[in-house]
Amino acid sequence: MEYKIQLRNPNTREKTTLTAYTEEMALNMIEQSIKDGWRVKNTDDLKLLINQLKERNI
């Protein structure tokens, strides 16, 4: 499954979209983007992945 990850930089208002081809790749991209200060748009297909990241970091 292909995951489209929509990101926004809160400082510059820049927007971009990343494409991941596996679930693990998507998880890593989301986690790294958050660490780099980007905001991830919480779309329906990403909700499950974002919840997995939250559980992993608790």
N, C-alpha and C. Protein backbone atom coordinates (compact mmCIF):
# COMPACT_ATOMS: atom_id res chain seq x y z
N MET A 1 0.83 -1.18 0.00
CA MET A 1 0.00 0.00 0.00
C MET A 1 0.88 1.24 0.00
N GLU A 2 0.44 2.25 -0.70
CA GLU A 2 1.18 3.50 -0.79
C GLU A 2 0.60 4.51 0.20
N TYR A 3 1.46 5.15 0.98
CA TYR A 3 1.04 6.13 1.97
C TYR A 3 1.50 7.51 1.53
N LYS A 4 0.58 8.46 1.49
CA LYS A 4 0.91 9.86 1.20
C LYS A 4 0.91 10.60 2.53
N ILE A 5 2.04 11.18 2.88
CA ILE A 5 2.20 11.87 4.15
C ILE A 5 2.30 13.36 3.86
N GLN A 6 1.28 14.10 4.28
CA GLN A 6 1.25 15.55 4.05
C GLN A 6 1.85 16.25 5.26
N LEU A 7 2.83 17.11 5.01
CA LEU A 7 3.55 17.80 6.07
C LEU A 7 3.43 19.31 5.92
N ARG A 8 3.53 20.01 7.05
CA ARG A 8 3.54 21.47 7.05
C ARG A 8 4.57 21.94 8.07
N ASN A 9 5.38 22.89 7.66
CA ASN A 9 6.35 23.50 8.56
C ASN A 9 5.67 24.69 9.23
N PRO A 10 5.50 24.67 10.55
CA PRO A 10 4.78 25.76 11.23
C PRO A 10 5.52 27.11 11.19
N ASN A 11 6.82 27.10 10.98
CA ASN A 11 7.58 28.34 10.97
C ASN A 11 7.52 29.05 9.62
N THR A 12 7.64 28.30 8.54
CA THR A 12 7.71 28.89 7.21
C THR A 12 6.42 28.73 6.42
N ARG A 13 5.47 27.96 6.94
CA ARG A 13 4.21 27.66 6.26
C ARG A 13 4.41 26.82 5.00
N GLU A 14 5.61 26.27 4.83
CA GLU A 14 5.90 25.41 3.69
C GLU A 14 5.13 24.11 3.83
N LYS A 15 4.62 23.61 2.70
CA LYS A 15 3.91 22.34 2.70
C LYS A 15 4.59 21.40 1.72
N THR A 16 4.57 20.11 2.06
CA THR A 16 5.16 19.11 1.17
C THR A 16 4.46 17.78 1.40
N THR A 17 4.63 16.87 0.47
CA THR A 17 4.04 15.54 0.58
C THR A 17 5.13 14.50 0.35
N LEU A 18 5.21 13.54 1.26
CA LEU A 18 6.14 12.41 1.12
C LEU A 18 5.33 11.18 0.74
N THR A 19 5.97 10.27 0.01
CA THR A 19 5.32 9.02 -0.37
C THR A 19 6.12 7.87 0.20
N ALA A 20 5.43 6.99 0.92
CA ALA A 20 6.07 5.80 1.49
C ALA A 20 5.40 4.57 0.86
N TYR A 21 6.17 3.53 0.63
CA TYR A 21 5.65 2.36 -0.07
C TYR A 21 5.41 1.17 0.85
N THR A 22 5.86 1.28 2.09
CA THR A 22 5.59 0.23 3.07
C THR A 22 5.17 0.88 4.38
N GLU A 23 4.53 0.11 5.25
CA GLU A 23 4.09 0.63 6.54
C GLU A 23 5.27 1.06 7.39
N GLU A 24 6.31 0.25 7.41
CA GLU A 24 7.50 0.56 8.22
C GLU A 24 8.18 1.84 7.72
N MET A 25 8.25 1.99 6.40
CA MET A 25 8.84 3.19 5.81
C MET A 25 8.01 4.42 6.20
N ALA A 26 6.69 4.29 6.18
CA ALA A 26 5.80 5.40 6.55
C ALA A 26 5.99 5.78 8.01
N LEU A 27 6.07 4.77 8.89
CA LEU A 27 6.28 5.03 10.31
C LEU A 27 7.58 5.80 10.54
N ASN A 28 8.64 5.36 9.88
CA ASN A 28 9.94 6.02 10.04
C ASN A 28 9.91 7.45 9.52
N MET A 29 9.24 7.66 8.38
CA MET A 29 9.16 9.00 7.80
C MET A 29 8.36 9.94 8.70
N ILE A 30 7.25 9.46 9.24
CA ILE A 30 6.42 10.28 10.13
C ILE A 30 7.21 10.63 11.39
N GLU A 31 7.86 9.63 11.97
CA GLU A 31 8.62 9.86 13.20
C GLU A 31 9.74 10.87 12.98
N GLN A 32 10.48 10.74 11.90
CA GLN A 32 11.59 11.65 11.62
C GLN A 32 11.08 13.05 11.32
N SER A 33 9.97 13.15 10.60
CA SER A 33 9.41 14.46 10.27
C SER A 33 8.98 15.20 11.53
N ILE A 34 8.37 14.49 12.46
CA ILE A 34 7.96 15.11 13.72
C ILE A 34 9.18 15.58 14.50
N LYS A 35 10.23 14.76 14.52
CA LYS A 35 11.47 15.16 15.22
C LYS A 35 12.08 16.41 14.59
N ASP A 36 11.91 16.56 13.26
CA ASP A 36 12.47 17.71 12.55
C ASP A 36 11.59 18.95 12.66
N GLY A 37 10.46 18.84 13.37
CA GLY A 37 9.63 20.01 13.61
C GLY A 37 8.46 20.19 12.66
N TRP A 38 8.22 19.23 11.77
CA TRP A 38 7.09 19.32 10.85
C TRP A 38 5.82 18.84 11.53
N ARG A 39 4.67 19.32 11.04
CA ARG A 39 3.36 18.87 11.49
C ARG A 39 2.81 17.91 10.44
N VAL A 40 2.28 16.78 10.89
CA VAL A 40 1.75 15.77 9.98
C VAL A 40 0.24 15.91 9.93
N LYS A 41 -0.31 15.98 8.72
CA LYS A 41 -1.76 16.06 8.57
C LYS A 41 -2.34 14.69 8.89
N ASN A 42 -3.27 14.65 9.82
CA ASN A 42 -3.82 13.39 10.32
C ASN A 42 -4.96 12.92 9.40
N THR A 43 -4.62 12.28 8.29
CA THR A 43 -5.62 11.78 7.35
C THR A 43 -6.08 10.40 7.77
N ASP A 44 -7.18 9.95 7.20
CA ASP A 44 -7.78 8.67 7.60
C ASP A 44 -6.81 7.50 7.46
N ASP A 45 -6.06 7.44 6.36
CA ASP A 45 -5.17 6.30 6.16
C ASP A 45 -3.93 6.35 7.06
N LEU A 46 -3.65 7.50 7.66
CA LEU A 46 -2.49 7.61 8.54
C LEU A 46 -2.84 7.50 10.02
N LYS A 47 -4.13 7.56 10.37
CA LYS A 47 -4.52 7.53 11.79
C LYS A 47 -3.99 6.29 12.49
N LEU A 48 -4.08 5.14 11.85
CA LEU A 48 -3.60 3.90 12.46
C LEU A 48 -2.09 3.96 12.69
N LEU A 49 -1.35 4.48 11.72
CA LEU A 49 0.10 4.57 11.86
C LEU A 49 0.50 5.55 12.96
N ILE A 50 -0.20 6.68 13.03
CA ILE A 50 0.12 7.67 14.06
C ILE A 50 -0.19 7.12 15.44
N ASN A 51 -1.28 6.37 15.56
CA ASN A 51 -1.60 5.74 16.84
C ASN A 51 -0.53 4.72 17.24
N GLN A 52 0.01 3.99 16.27
CA GLN A 52 1.09 3.03 16.55
C GLN A 52 2.32 3.77 17.09
N LEU A 53 2.63 4.90 16.50
CA LEU A 53 3.79 5.69 16.97
C LEU A 53 3.56 6.19 18.39
N LYS A 54 2.35 6.65 18.69
CA LYS A 54 2.05 7.13 20.04
C LYS A 54 2.22 6.00 21.05
N GLU A 55 1.73 4.81 20.73
CA GLU A 55 1.85 3.67 21.64
C GLU A 55 3.30 3.26 21.83
N ARG A 56 4.08 3.33 20.76
CA ARG A 56 5.48 2.93 20.81
C ARG A 56 6.29 3.86 21.70
N ASN A 57 5.91 5.16 21.74
CA ASN A 57 6.68 6.16 22.48
C ASN A 57 6.21 6.34 23.92
N ILE A 58 5.21 5.63 24.35
CA ILE A 58 4.70 5.76 25.74
C ILE A 58 5.58 5.01 26.68
